[in-house]
Structures are given as structure tokens and as C-alpha cells.
Amino acid sequence: MRNLANLRKRVKFIVFVAFPLSFFAFGWFSHSVYYPLFNGSSTLDEIKRYKVLNVVLLNAPSTYYIGANGPQGFEYDLLKDYAKHLGVKLKITSANTIKEAIELSKNEKFHITSAALAKTPNRMKRFNFGPSYFEVQEQVICNRNMIRAGKFPRAVEDLEGLRISVGEDTSYSETIRALQEDGFDINASLTSEYSTEELLEQVANHTIDCTLADSNIYSLNQRYFTEIAMAFTISGREQLAWVLTPGSKNLEADMYSWLNSYNQSGKMAELKDHYYSHILYFDYYDTKMFYKRIKTRLPKYEKYFKEVSKKHDIPWSLIAAQSYQESHWNPRAKSFTGVRGLMMLTRSTAKHVGVKNRLDPKQSIIGGTKHLKKMIKSVPSEVEGENRLKFALAAYNIGMGHIKDAQVLATKFGLDKNVWSDLKTVLPLLSQKRYYRSLRFGYARGSEPVRYVESIYDYKDILENSTIEKEQEAGKINTTIKANDNNFSNVKQEKKKTK
């Protein structure tokens, strides 16, 4: 009886202790599982809790790449600004093709997948898209030499019989399949091996005749692959958006709110201007000649550009690009106004910066860079970052007085006078009497500095891209040389052993 009584006491004790513990455990489990369901998405909370935004980014010129000054790209910069808004670190996992990016997006550890993805009806059934941030159209891109051969397509019917390749799992493959279902005899191959940019390069080399690409991707790559040309537009307007991990309602809502503010602040316009403004000034023959002169003329002066760059803390590629814009790297260049040399200096400017011989390449580069540095210092302190360099270049071309007049106009029109994307919209007005007559410095050919700055940045971008490719190629050669040296050394050792 005593043992039975003790047993009952033990059971009561276990029940008394275990029940509250189990209730607590159940409550904790329920809260951890169901709390997100009752409070919307937990994705945003998770991002803020761990201070990390995990992103899949397509490694391509239109999205993300490592440039001369580190990571850059339109979508990279946009995501960086969004991460800054959240107060978290941006952690990137790169993908080489759209198919690879889509595969990675299935892993729920990634909060966002950014690969310049169009919100097609088919994709909207499969993915959770965030807000749209860019508008594009699909274009047929072909080798421009087909024009002379009379084979350049002008309509869908002309694609029959051509060598066409597009990326697998892209909006382009959906377009091709839809055309085939409509009865068009288009023999296009689908590839998961090559990115859209690599296919554009194949078009340039005429390995294939044509491919499909979004208008923004073509615009960015036409200066790198000068033999490509747009044949015709093959789609209506499409919206680009990021793919979000499932169950991200809070993240999506926050993104919509932020993107709206980002647009209203003018930052989106500034970002688009930075990456796409050169499109208006693309010149096929000029760009092709620039590539040629990078090989034939630049090597003579490159060391001077790099020396003066270190001294004045200005990118050498910018100084070299400006010099090309001024003289096409012709040290004996001369204009009808009397400016001369690689940096096209006037007599008075040359004297002011200590240049005795304007036709001496080294003196001209040093003097021109000194003058540019002076312009940079004279730019109002409120102008910051890359805007400061662009203001200085514009002032180098037209004079700081006219730049300040343009700032007055920008303020008058409710624009940001300290941002280049706004200033360049009012600079052309300096040639119109109704505007310049009330300004301190009067008339100016205001559209000229706009073209001047955009062209320089276009050359700079091509130059940096060309330099990176050259360094990568040199790295491959060095690796091969080392491998050959090692093989030679091993052979010598084997011979010694044999002896």
C-alpha cells in the first residue's frame, strides 16, 4: 500500500511538472510556426534580424559585374541602395545565365533574385515577382554585315533559314516557341551554356546570324560588340522585376513603398542616366575606330595618363577618354579656334598650367589634367560623387560660368541643380534667348557639353572594359607560361632521375 501511495505521488508530481512544460513547449512551437502567418511575411523581419539581404545576381553588364572600381551595374546599384534603406549588408551570389539564376531562386535562403527578368504571363504563374522597376522590349539582333549580303531580316518572316540561338528558360525562348506555334518556320537553338551577352558576341563574330535581347541589354552591348545591329522589335513593352522568395508580403510591400520614394526623389532617373545616357550618342564608326586606336595610339601615351592620374587622384581612364574626345590621341591636333595638342589647350590655359610646348604629349597631358583638377575644385561643394567629375568636364568644355547659369535654370524649373542628370536637361536651353538673356553669362551652345561629357564616359567605359579583358587575357597567358615552366622543370627532373 505504501509503495502504491508513493507511486501515485510520483505520477501526480510528473503530471504537475510535465503538463506546464509541455504547454510551454507547445506554445513556443506554435508561436514560432504560426506567428509569421498571423503577422504577414517573416522575410522582412528575418532580413532585419540577421542584417543581411541575400541576393542572386546575374553576372552581366546590365545587372552586375566587377569593373575597374569594383562592383557595379544598374541592378547592383539599385539593390545596394535598397539594402542601405533596410540598414543591412548586401550579400551576393552570382549566376552566369538566366537559367542558373532561376534555379538558384528556388532556394529559400535567397530573398531576391535579380536577373533582368521580364514579368511574362508564363513566369508570373511560376514566380513571386516584386514591383516593376524598368521597361524594355525584346529585339532581334543580327550581324550588321548581313545588310550588305541582303540577308538582314526586317520582319519575323525573314527569320526563316537563319542561324538563331537564344538562352534556355528566357523570355526570348518563350517568344520563339510562341512564333513556332503560330506557324513560323524558325529554326532556333536553345542554350543553357551561354548568356545573352555571350550570344551577342557570337552574333558579332558571325558564329550565329541572330539572337534576341532586351532593348536595354542591346543598348549596353552595342559599344562592346560593334558588329551587332538591331533588326526589329519583336515584342510589346515588358516590365522587369525581381523574383522574391515565396511568402514575402511584408518585403514586397516595403519594396513598393521604397521604390515609389526612390522614383520621386529622382534617384532612379539619375541611376538610369548613369548607365544608359550614352545610348543617344552611339556612333558605330567612331566606336569601331576607338577600338582600333586603343591598340595603335594609346600605348604611346598610356604611361603619362597613369602617372598624372596618381598625382591628381583622377581615374586614368577618364583622363585618357577626355584626351581622345579632344584630339583622338593626335598630339599635333589643331582646331580652327587655335587650341592644340592631345588635350587641346588654348595658349592662355597652357601658360596658366605651365605648359611651354602644347604639342609635347607629356606636357599636354599634365597641363590638361591640372586644368581639369582646377575645374573639379571650382565645382560647388554641394555637388558630390560622380556628379562632381561630370560638372568639371562640362566646365572644361563650356566654362564654369555657364554651368552656374544652368544651375540657376535647374532651380527655376524645380530640378536638382547638383545632379548631372537634371543639369543636362537645362544646359541646351542656354542657346535660347528667352532663357539666356536673364542669365549672367549669356548665350552658350549648351547641348555641346552634354554630348562632350556623355561621349567621354562612353569612351571611359569601353576603355576600362578593354583593359579588364586585356588583364584577364594576360593572366591566362601567365598561367600557361607557369604551367609550361613547371612541365619543363618536371621533365628535367625526370631526365636526371633516368640518368
Protein backbone atom coordinates (compact mmCIF):
# COMPACT_ATOMS: atom_id res chain seq x y z
CA MET A 1 0.00 0.00 0.00
CA ARG A 2 2.82 2.34 0.89
CA ASN A 3 4.52 1.62 -2.45
CA LEU A 4 1.26 2.30 -4.29
CA ALA A 5 0.82 5.58 -2.42
CA ASN A 6 4.38 6.60 -3.33
CA LEU A 7 3.76 5.70 -6.95
CA ARG A 8 0.63 7.85 -7.04
CA LYS A 9 2.56 10.77 -5.55
CA ARG A 10 5.24 10.39 -8.22
CA VAL A 11 2.68 10.28 -11.02
CA LYS A 12 0.95 13.39 -9.66
CA PHE A 13 4.30 15.17 -9.45
CA ILE A 14 5.26 14.23 -13.02
CA VAL A 15 1.86 15.34 -14.32
CA PHE A 16 2.05 18.54 -12.30
CA VAL A 17 5.51 19.41 -13.69
CA ALA A 18 5.25 17.92 -17.17
CA PHE A 19 1.92 19.49 -18.12
CA PRO A 20 3.08 23.13 -17.74
CA LEU A 21 6.35 22.26 -19.50
CA SER A 22 4.54 20.61 -22.40
CA PHE A 23 2.10 23.53 -22.57
CA PHE A 24 5.04 25.95 -22.67
CA ALA A 25 6.80 23.89 -25.35
CA PHE A 26 3.64 23.71 -27.43
CA GLY A 27 3.09 27.45 -27.04
CA TRP A 28 6.68 28.22 -28.11
CA PHE A 29 6.40 25.88 -31.10
CA SER A 30 3.03 27.32 -32.12
CA HIS A 31 4.33 30.87 -31.87
CA SER A 32 7.42 30.11 -33.96
CA VAL A 33 5.37 28.33 -36.62
CA TYR A 34 2.18 30.37 -36.76
CA TYR A 35 3.39 33.83 -35.79
CA PRO A 36 4.54 34.62 -39.35
CA LEU A 37 1.16 33.52 -40.70
CA PHE A 38 -0.77 35.91 -38.48
CA ASN A 39 1.66 38.77 -38.87
CA GLY A 40 2.32 38.66 -42.63
CA SER A 41 5.66 37.63 -44.11
CA SER A 42 8.55 37.00 -41.76
CA THR A 43 11.08 37.50 -44.58
CA LEU A 44 11.50 41.21 -43.90
CA ASP A 45 11.85 40.56 -40.15
CA GLU A 46 14.44 37.87 -40.87
CA ILE A 47 16.46 40.23 -43.11
CA LYS A 48 16.48 42.92 -40.45
CA ARG A 49 17.18 40.46 -37.65
CA TYR A 50 20.26 38.98 -39.32
CA LYS A 51 21.26 42.27 -41.01
CA VAL A 52 21.79 40.52 -44.37
CA LEU A 53 19.96 40.71 -47.70
CA ASN A 54 20.78 37.52 -49.64
CA VAL A 55 20.57 38.15 -53.38
CA VAL A 56 21.14 36.13 -56.54
CA LEU A 57 22.55 38.48 -59.19
CA LEU A 58 23.12 37.73 -62.85
CA ASN A 59 26.75 38.44 -63.76
CA ALA A 60 26.25 40.64 -66.84
CA PRO A 61 26.75 44.29 -67.92
CA SER A 62 23.06 45.11 -67.46
CA THR A 63 22.93 43.75 -63.91
CA TYR A 64 26.20 43.19 -62.03
CA TYR A 65 29.90 42.95 -62.86
CA ILE A 66 33.28 43.80 -61.38
CA GLY A 67 34.51 46.96 -63.08
CA ALA A 68 37.70 48.99 -62.74
CA ASN A 69 36.41 50.49 -59.48
CA GLY A 70 34.83 47.36 -58.02
CA PRO A 71 31.26 46.01 -58.23
CA GLN A 72 28.85 47.92 -60.47
CA GLY A 73 25.84 47.50 -62.74
CA PHE A 74 22.37 49.01 -62.83
CA GLU A 75 20.66 46.32 -60.76
CA TYR A 76 23.61 46.02 -58.36
CA ASP A 77 23.44 49.75 -57.59
CA LEU A 78 19.66 49.56 -57.18
CA LEU A 79 19.92 46.63 -54.76
CA LYS A 80 22.76 48.33 -52.88
CA ASP A 81 20.52 51.35 -52.32
CA TYR A 82 17.65 49.12 -51.19
CA ALA A 83 19.93 47.30 -48.72
CA LYS A 84 21.05 50.70 -47.43
CA HIS A 85 17.40 51.64 -46.95
CA LEU A 86 16.90 48.47 -44.88
CA GLY A 87 20.11 49.10 -42.95
CA VAL A 88 21.55 45.68 -43.84
CA LYS A 89 24.51 44.17 -45.68
CA LEU A 90 24.09 43.10 -49.32
CA LYS A 91 25.33 39.53 -49.81
CA ILE A 92 25.64 38.49 -53.46
CA THR A 93 25.64 35.05 -55.06
CA SER A 94 26.34 35.45 -58.77
CA ALA A 95 24.79 33.44 -61.61
CA ASN A 96 26.18 33.25 -65.14
CA THR A 97 22.95 32.59 -67.03
CA ILE A 98 19.25 33.31 -66.54
CA LYS A 99 18.57 29.58 -66.22
CA GLU A 100 21.16 29.32 -63.43
CA ALA A 101 19.67 32.37 -61.67
CA ILE A 102 16.18 30.85 -61.85
CA GLU A 103 17.45 27.56 -60.41
CA LEU A 104 19.11 29.39 -57.52
CA SER A 105 15.90 31.35 -56.86
CA LYS A 106 14.25 28.08 -55.77
CA ASN A 107 16.48 28.04 -52.69
CA GLU A 108 14.54 29.88 -49.98
CA LYS A 109 17.70 31.23 -48.35
CA PHE A 110 17.80 33.82 -51.16
CA HIS A 111 15.47 36.74 -50.55
CA ILE A 112 15.74 38.29 -54.04
CA THR A 113 16.78 37.07 -57.48
CA SER A 114 17.85 39.86 -59.81
CA ALA A 115 18.50 38.84 -63.41
CA ALA A 116 16.75 41.46 -65.59
CA LEU A 117 13.72 39.15 -65.67
CA ALA A 118 10.65 40.25 -67.63
CA LYS A 119 7.25 39.62 -65.99
CA THR A 120 5.88 37.38 -68.74
CA PRO A 121 2.48 35.66 -68.23
CA ASN A 122 4.20 32.28 -68.02
CA ARG A 123 6.70 33.45 -65.40
CA MET A 124 4.01 35.17 -63.31
CA LYS A 125 2.40 31.77 -62.84
CA ARG A 126 5.70 30.32 -61.58
CA PHE A 127 7.34 33.11 -59.59
CA ASN A 128 6.57 35.65 -56.89
CA PHE A 129 7.54 38.97 -58.52
CA GLY A 130 8.16 42.24 -56.72
CA PRO A 131 7.39 45.70 -58.16
CA SER A 132 8.46 46.63 -61.71
CA TYR A 133 11.47 48.91 -61.97
CA PHE A 134 12.33 49.04 -65.70
CA GLU A 135 10.52 48.83 -69.05
CA VAL A 136 12.02 47.04 -72.06
CA GLN A 137 11.16 45.48 -75.42
CA GLU A 138 12.56 42.32 -76.96
CA GLN A 139 14.59 42.98 -80.09
CA VAL A 140 16.05 40.79 -82.84
CA ILE A 141 19.80 41.47 -83.01
CA CYS A 142 21.81 40.36 -86.05
CA ASN A 143 25.26 40.75 -87.58
CA ARG A 144 25.37 44.05 -89.47
CA ASN A 145 27.38 42.52 -92.35
CA MET A 146 24.17 40.73 -93.34
CA ILE A 147 22.91 44.09 -94.60
CA ARG A 148 25.45 44.13 -97.42
CA ALA A 149 24.71 40.48 -98.18
CA GLY A 150 20.99 41.28 -98.47
CA LYS A 151 20.08 38.81 -95.71
CA PHE A 152 19.37 41.25 -92.88
CA PRO A 153 15.87 40.47 -91.51
CA ARG A 154 13.23 43.20 -91.32
CA ALA A 155 10.27 41.10 -90.16
CA VAL A 156 9.51 37.75 -88.49
CA GLU A 157 9.09 36.06 -91.88
CA ASP A 158 12.72 36.89 -92.72
CA LEU A 159 14.00 34.80 -89.77
CA GLU A 160 13.29 31.58 -91.63
CA GLY A 161 16.50 29.83 -92.62
CA LEU A 162 18.77 31.95 -90.34
CA ARG A 163 21.07 30.61 -87.62
CA ILE A 164 19.39 31.80 -84.43
CA SER A 165 20.22 30.97 -80.82
CA VAL A 166 18.61 32.18 -77.58
CA GLY A 167 19.01 31.35 -73.92
CA GLU A 168 17.01 28.49 -72.44
CA ASP A 169 14.38 29.47 -69.84
CA THR A 170 14.46 33.09 -71.02
CA SER A 171 11.58 35.27 -72.20
CA TYR A 172 13.19 35.01 -75.63
CA SER A 173 12.72 31.24 -75.73
CA GLU A 174 9.04 31.81 -74.86
CA THR A 175 8.77 34.25 -77.78
CA ILE A 176 10.38 31.80 -80.21
CA ARG A 177 8.08 28.96 -79.11
CA ALA A 178 5.02 31.20 -79.50
CA LEU A 179 6.09 32.14 -83.05
CA GLN A 180 6.67 28.49 -83.92
CA GLU A 181 3.20 27.61 -82.62
CA ASP A 182 1.81 30.39 -84.85
CA GLY A 183 3.27 28.59 -87.86
CA PHE A 184 6.55 30.44 -88.45
CA ASP A 185 9.36 28.16 -89.61
CA ILE A 186 12.07 29.43 -87.25
CA ASN A 187 14.89 27.01 -86.53
CA ALA A 188 16.28 28.46 -83.30
CA SER A 189 18.52 26.56 -80.88
CA LEU A 190 18.07 26.95 -77.12
CA THR A 191 21.20 27.07 -74.99
CA SER A 192 21.83 26.93 -71.26
CA GLU A 193 25.58 27.30 -71.78
CA TYR A 194 25.72 30.90 -72.99
CA SER A 195 24.38 34.13 -71.53
CA THR A 196 22.60 36.72 -73.67
CA GLU A 197 25.80 38.79 -73.74
CA GLU A 198 27.81 35.80 -74.95
CA LEU A 199 25.24 35.18 -77.69
CA LEU A 200 25.55 38.82 -78.75
CA GLU A 201 29.29 38.28 -79.01
CA GLN A 202 28.64 35.23 -81.20
CA VAL A 203 26.44 37.42 -83.42
CA ALA A 204 29.27 39.99 -83.62
CA ASN A 205 31.71 37.24 -84.63
CA HIS A 206 29.06 35.84 -87.02
CA THR A 207 29.18 32.42 -85.39
CA ILE A 208 25.38 32.77 -85.45
CA ASP A 209 23.25 35.13 -87.50
CA CYS A 210 20.88 36.49 -84.88
CA THR A 211 19.70 36.31 -81.28
CA LEU A 212 17.04 38.02 -79.17
CA ALA A 213 17.83 40.54 -76.43
CA ASP A 214 16.01 43.12 -74.34
CA SER A 215 16.43 46.70 -75.56
CA ASN A 216 18.49 47.72 -72.50
CA ILE A 217 20.88 44.77 -72.91
CA TYR A 218 21.40 45.57 -76.60
CA SER A 219 21.97 49.25 -75.82
CA LEU A 220 24.66 48.45 -73.26
CA ASN A 221 26.46 45.96 -75.50
CA GLN A 222 26.43 47.73 -78.87
CA ARG A 223 29.53 49.70 -77.90
CA TYR A 224 31.40 46.49 -76.97
CA PHE A 225 30.29 44.48 -79.99
CA THR A 226 30.32 46.97 -82.85
CA GLU A 227 29.23 44.44 -85.49
CA ILE A 228 25.78 43.87 -83.98
CA ALA A 229 22.71 45.78 -85.14
CA MET A 230 19.04 45.85 -84.17
CA ALA A 231 16.89 44.30 -86.90
CA PHE A 232 13.40 44.91 -85.47
CA THR A 233 11.40 44.90 -82.25
CA ILE A 234 9.61 41.61 -81.69
CA SER A 235 7.57 42.22 -78.52
CA GLY A 236 5.44 44.82 -76.81
CA ARG A 237 6.61 46.65 -73.72
CA GLU A 238 7.60 44.34 -70.86
CA GLN A 239 8.26 45.09 -67.20
CA LEU A 240 11.42 43.94 -65.42
CA ALA A 241 11.11 42.92 -61.76
CA TRP A 242 12.92 40.97 -59.05
CA VAL A 243 11.82 37.50 -58.03
CA LEU A 244 11.09 37.30 -54.29
CA THR A 245 11.19 34.24 -52.10
CA PRO A 246 7.66 32.78 -51.52
CA GLY A 247 5.66 34.31 -48.67
CA SER A 248 7.31 37.73 -48.74
CA LYS A 249 4.29 40.04 -48.47
CA ASN A 250 5.94 42.39 -45.97
CA LEU A 251 9.12 42.55 -48.06
CA GLU A 252 7.09 43.20 -51.22
CA ALA A 253 5.06 45.97 -49.53
CA ASP A 254 8.22 47.62 -48.21
CA MET A 255 9.81 47.38 -51.65
CA TYR A 256 6.84 49.07 -53.33
CA SER A 257 6.97 51.92 -50.81
CA TRP A 258 10.75 52.35 -51.16
CA LEU A 259 10.70 52.20 -54.96
CA ASN A 260 7.99 54.86 -55.07
CA SER A 261 10.10 57.18 -52.88
CA TYR A 262 13.22 56.31 -54.91
CA ASN A 263 11.47 57.37 -58.11
CA GLN A 264 10.06 60.57 -56.61
CA SER A 265 13.45 61.60 -55.22
CA GLY A 266 14.98 61.49 -58.71
CA LYS A 267 17.50 58.80 -57.77
CA MET A 268 16.07 56.31 -60.25
CA ALA A 269 16.38 58.83 -63.09
CA GLU A 270 19.96 59.55 -62.03
CA LEU A 271 20.81 55.83 -61.98
CA LYS A 272 19.29 55.22 -65.42
CA ASP A 273 21.11 58.25 -66.74
CA HIS A 274 24.43 56.92 -65.43
CA TYR A 275 24.11 53.59 -67.24
CA TYR A 276 22.07 54.38 -70.31
CA SER A 277 22.61 58.03 -71.30
CA HIS A 278 25.33 57.12 -73.82
CA ILE A 279 22.72 55.36 -75.99
CA LEU A 280 21.70 58.69 -77.55
CA TYR A 281 25.24 59.32 -78.73
CA PHE A 282 26.32 55.91 -80.02
CA ASP A 283 28.25 56.13 -83.30
CA TYR A 284 29.16 52.81 -84.92
CA TYR A 285 32.09 54.06 -87.00
CA ASP A 286 33.51 56.27 -84.25
CA THR A 287 33.32 53.42 -81.72
CA LYS A 288 34.97 50.98 -84.11
CA MET A 289 37.79 53.48 -84.75
CA PHE A 290 38.20 53.98 -80.99
CA TYR A 291 38.82 50.24 -80.51
CA LYS A 292 41.44 50.39 -83.25
CA ARG A 293 43.21 53.37 -81.68
CA ILE A 294 43.26 51.75 -78.25
CA LYS A 295 45.71 49.32 -79.84
CA THR A 296 47.62 51.67 -82.13
CA ARG A 297 47.76 55.07 -80.41
CA LEU A 298 47.05 54.65 -76.70
CA PRO A 299 50.19 52.59 -75.86
CA LYS A 300 52.37 55.62 -76.70
CA TYR A 301 50.73 57.78 -74.03
CA GLU A 302 49.24 55.36 -71.51
CA LYS A 303 52.12 55.72 -69.02
CA TYR A 304 51.65 59.52 -68.95
CA PHE A 305 47.92 59.16 -68.25
CA LYS A 306 48.65 56.75 -65.39
CA GLU A 307 51.42 58.91 -63.89
CA VAL A 308 49.29 62.06 -63.80
CA SER A 309 46.30 60.05 -62.54
CA LYS A 310 48.17 59.06 -59.36
CA LYS A 311 49.34 62.62 -58.76
CA HIS A 312 45.90 64.25 -59.08
CA ASP A 313 43.70 61.34 -57.91
CA ILE A 314 41.61 61.21 -61.09
CA PRO A 315 40.96 57.89 -62.89
CA TRP A 316 43.48 57.49 -65.71
CA SER A 317 40.75 56.07 -67.92
CA LEU A 318 38.79 59.34 -67.55
CA ILE A 319 41.80 61.47 -68.48
CA ALA A 320 42.57 59.21 -71.45
CA ALA A 321 38.92 59.27 -72.55
CA GLN A 322 38.83 63.06 -72.32
CA SER A 323 42.03 63.28 -74.34
CA TYR A 324 40.51 61.07 -77.02
CA GLN A 325 37.38 63.20 -77.11
CA GLU A 326 39.56 66.28 -77.53
CA SER A 327 42.11 65.10 -80.10
CA HIS A 328 41.61 61.38 -80.91
CA TRP A 329 45.07 60.98 -79.31
CA ASN A 330 46.69 63.03 -82.05
CA PRO A 331 49.47 65.10 -80.40
CA ARG A 332 49.52 67.56 -83.33
CA ALA A 333 45.75 68.11 -83.40
CA LYS A 334 44.61 71.68 -84.05
CA SER A 335 41.17 73.28 -84.23
CA PHE A 336 40.07 76.38 -86.17
CA THR A 337 39.96 78.27 -82.85
CA GLY A 338 43.69 77.64 -82.26
CA VAL A 339 43.57 75.07 -79.44
CA ARG A 340 46.24 72.40 -79.87
CA GLY A 341 47.68 69.11 -78.67
CA LEU A 342 46.42 65.92 -77.03
CA MET A 343 44.31 67.89 -74.52
CA MET A 344 43.55 70.75 -76.96
CA LEU A 345 44.78 73.58 -74.73
CA THR A 346 44.41 77.28 -75.54
CA ARG A 347 47.52 79.46 -75.32
CA SER A 348 46.27 81.16 -72.16
CA THR A 349 45.35 77.86 -70.43
CA ALA A 350 48.70 76.34 -71.40
CA LYS A 351 50.53 79.31 -69.93
CA HIS A 352 48.44 79.20 -66.75
CA VAL A 353 49.24 75.49 -66.12
CA GLY A 354 52.92 75.80 -67.06
CA VAL A 355 52.88 74.13 -70.49
CA LYS A 356 55.60 75.53 -72.75
CA ASN A 357 55.00 73.28 -75.72
CA ARG A 358 51.38 72.29 -76.38
CA LEU A 359 52.48 69.73 -78.98
CA ASP A 360 54.55 67.77 -76.45
CA PRO A 361 52.29 64.83 -75.40
CA LYS A 362 53.54 64.60 -71.83
CA GLN A 363 53.27 68.36 -71.21
CA SER A 364 49.80 68.46 -72.76
CA ILE A 365 48.52 65.60 -70.59
CA ILE A 366 49.98 67.12 -67.42
CA GLY A 367 48.63 70.57 -68.27
CA GLY A 368 45.17 69.31 -69.27
CA THR A 369 44.86 67.29 -66.07
CA LYS A 370 45.92 70.29 -63.97
CA HIS A 371 43.20 72.32 -65.66
CA LEU A 372 40.62 69.57 -65.04
CA LYS A 373 41.67 69.40 -61.38
CA LYS A 374 41.14 73.15 -61.15
CA MET A 375 37.65 72.71 -62.60
CA ILE A 376 36.88 69.98 -60.05
CA LYS A 377 37.88 72.29 -57.20
CA SER A 378 35.72 75.10 -58.58
CA VAL A 379 32.57 72.93 -58.70
CA PRO A 380 30.21 73.97 -55.85
CA SER A 381 30.75 71.86 -52.72
CA GLU A 382 27.10 70.69 -52.75
CA VAL A 383 27.82 68.66 -55.91
CA GLU A 384 29.08 65.24 -54.83
CA GLY A 385 30.45 61.95 -56.15
CA GLU A 386 30.43 61.20 -59.87
CA ASN A 387 28.32 64.33 -60.44
CA ARG A 388 31.34 66.40 -59.45
CA LEU A 389 33.52 64.94 -62.20
CA LYS A 390 30.78 65.44 -64.81
CA PHE A 391 30.24 69.05 -63.78
CA ALA A 392 34.01 69.64 -64.04
CA LEU A 393 34.20 68.10 -67.51
CA ALA A 394 31.27 70.21 -68.68
CA ALA A 395 33.01 73.29 -67.26
CA TYR A 396 36.24 72.28 -69.05
CA ASN A 397 34.21 72.37 -72.28
CA ILE A 398 32.00 75.42 -71.78
CA GLY A 399 33.28 77.30 -68.73
CA MET A 400 32.16 77.26 -65.10
CA GLY A 401 30.14 80.44 -65.52
CA HIS A 402 27.70 78.73 -67.89
CA ILE A 403 27.46 75.74 -65.56
CA LYS A 404 26.37 78.05 -62.76
CA ASP A 405 23.85 79.70 -65.09
CA ALA A 406 22.45 76.22 -65.84
CA GLN A 407 22.15 75.61 -62.08
CA VAL A 408 20.02 78.77 -61.83
CA LEU A 409 17.75 77.42 -64.56
CA ALA A 410 17.56 73.99 -62.91
CA THR A 411 16.35 75.59 -59.68
CA LYS A 412 13.83 77.68 -61.62
CA PHE A 413 12.33 74.50 -63.12
CA GLY A 414 12.22 72.67 -59.79
CA LEU A 415 15.12 70.35 -60.67
CA ASP A 416 18.11 69.36 -58.56
CA LYS A 417 20.87 71.76 -59.58
CA ASN A 418 23.55 69.50 -58.06
CA VAL A 419 22.78 66.37 -60.10
CA TRP A 420 24.10 65.92 -63.64
CA SER A 421 21.00 64.09 -64.94
CA ASP A 422 18.94 67.20 -64.10
CA LEU A 423 21.52 69.78 -65.13
CA LYS A 424 21.98 68.29 -68.60
CA THR A 425 18.26 68.72 -69.32
CA VAL A 426 18.55 72.52 -68.92
CA LEU A 427 22.03 73.11 -70.40
CA PRO A 428 20.68 73.11 -74.01
CA LEU A 429 18.36 75.99 -73.02
CA LEU A 430 21.41 78.27 -72.76
CA SER A 431 21.23 78.71 -76.54
CA GLN A 432 17.67 80.08 -76.39
CA LYS A 433 17.32 83.85 -75.97
CA ARG A 434 14.26 83.68 -73.73
CA TYR A 435 16.41 81.85 -71.19
CA TYR A 436 19.97 83.15 -71.59
CA ARG A 437 19.06 86.87 -71.72
CA SER A 438 18.33 86.86 -67.97
CA LEU A 439 21.44 84.86 -67.05
CA ARG A 440 24.77 86.35 -66.00
CA PHE A 441 26.99 84.71 -68.64
CA GLY A 442 24.50 84.82 -71.51
CA TYR A 443 24.47 82.66 -74.63
CA ALA A 444 26.20 79.27 -74.85
CA ARG A 445 25.93 76.17 -77.05
CA GLY A 446 24.53 74.25 -74.10
CA SER A 447 23.98 70.93 -75.88
CA GLU A 448 27.71 70.70 -76.64
CA PRO A 449 28.91 70.00 -73.05
CA VAL A 450 26.16 67.37 -72.70
CA ARG A 451 27.46 65.45 -75.73
CA TYR A 452 31.03 66.09 -74.53
CA VAL A 453 30.50 64.53 -71.09
CA GLU A 454 28.42 61.60 -72.34
CA SER A 455 30.98 60.76 -75.03
CA ILE A 456 33.85 60.85 -72.55
CA TYR A 457 32.04 58.49 -70.19
CA ASP A 458 31.26 56.20 -73.10
CA TYR A 459 34.95 56.08 -74.08
CA LYS A 460 35.93 55.63 -70.43
CA ASP A 461 33.61 52.65 -70.05
CA ILE A 462 34.89 50.99 -73.24
CA LEU A 463 38.48 51.65 -72.18
CA GLU A 464 38.00 50.12 -68.73
CA ASN A 465 36.24 47.10 -70.19
CA SER A 466 39.02 46.66 -72.75
CA THR A 467 41.68 46.96 -70.03
CA ILE A 468 39.98 44.33 -67.86
CA GLU A 469 39.79 41.92 -70.81
CA LYS A 470 43.47 42.55 -71.60
CA GLU A 471 44.49 41.88 -67.99
CA GLN A 472 42.40 38.72 -67.88
CA GLU A 473 43.99 37.53 -71.11
CA ALA A 474 47.46 38.34 -69.73
CA GLY A 475 46.57 36.35 -66.61
CA LYS A 476 45.68 33.35 -68.74
CA ILE A 477 48.94 33.66 -70.67
CA ASN A 478 50.97 33.93 -67.45
CA THR A 479 49.19 30.87 -66.07
CA THR A 480 50.02 28.97 -69.26
CA ILE A 481 53.67 30.09 -69.11
CA LYS A 482 53.94 28.98 -65.47
CA ALA A 483 52.35 25.66 -66.34
CA ASN A 484 54.81 25.18 -69.20
CA ASP A 485 57.72 26.14 -66.93
CA ASN A 486 56.55 23.59 -64.36
CA ASN A 487 56.20 20.93 -67.02
CA PHE A 488 59.70 21.74 -68.35
CA SER A 489 61.08 21.57 -64.81
CA ASN A 490 59.40 18.21 -64.21
CA VAL A 491 60.82 16.85 -67.47
CA LYS A 492 64.33 17.95 -66.45
CA GLN A 493 63.92 16.26 -63.07
CA GLU A 494 62.70 13.05 -64.72
CA LYS A 495 65.74 13.05 -67.03
CA LYS A 496 68.05 13.45 -64.03
CA LYS A 497 66.36 10.52 -62.32
CA THR A 498 66.73 8.45 -65.50
CA LYS A 499 70.44 9.23 -65.70
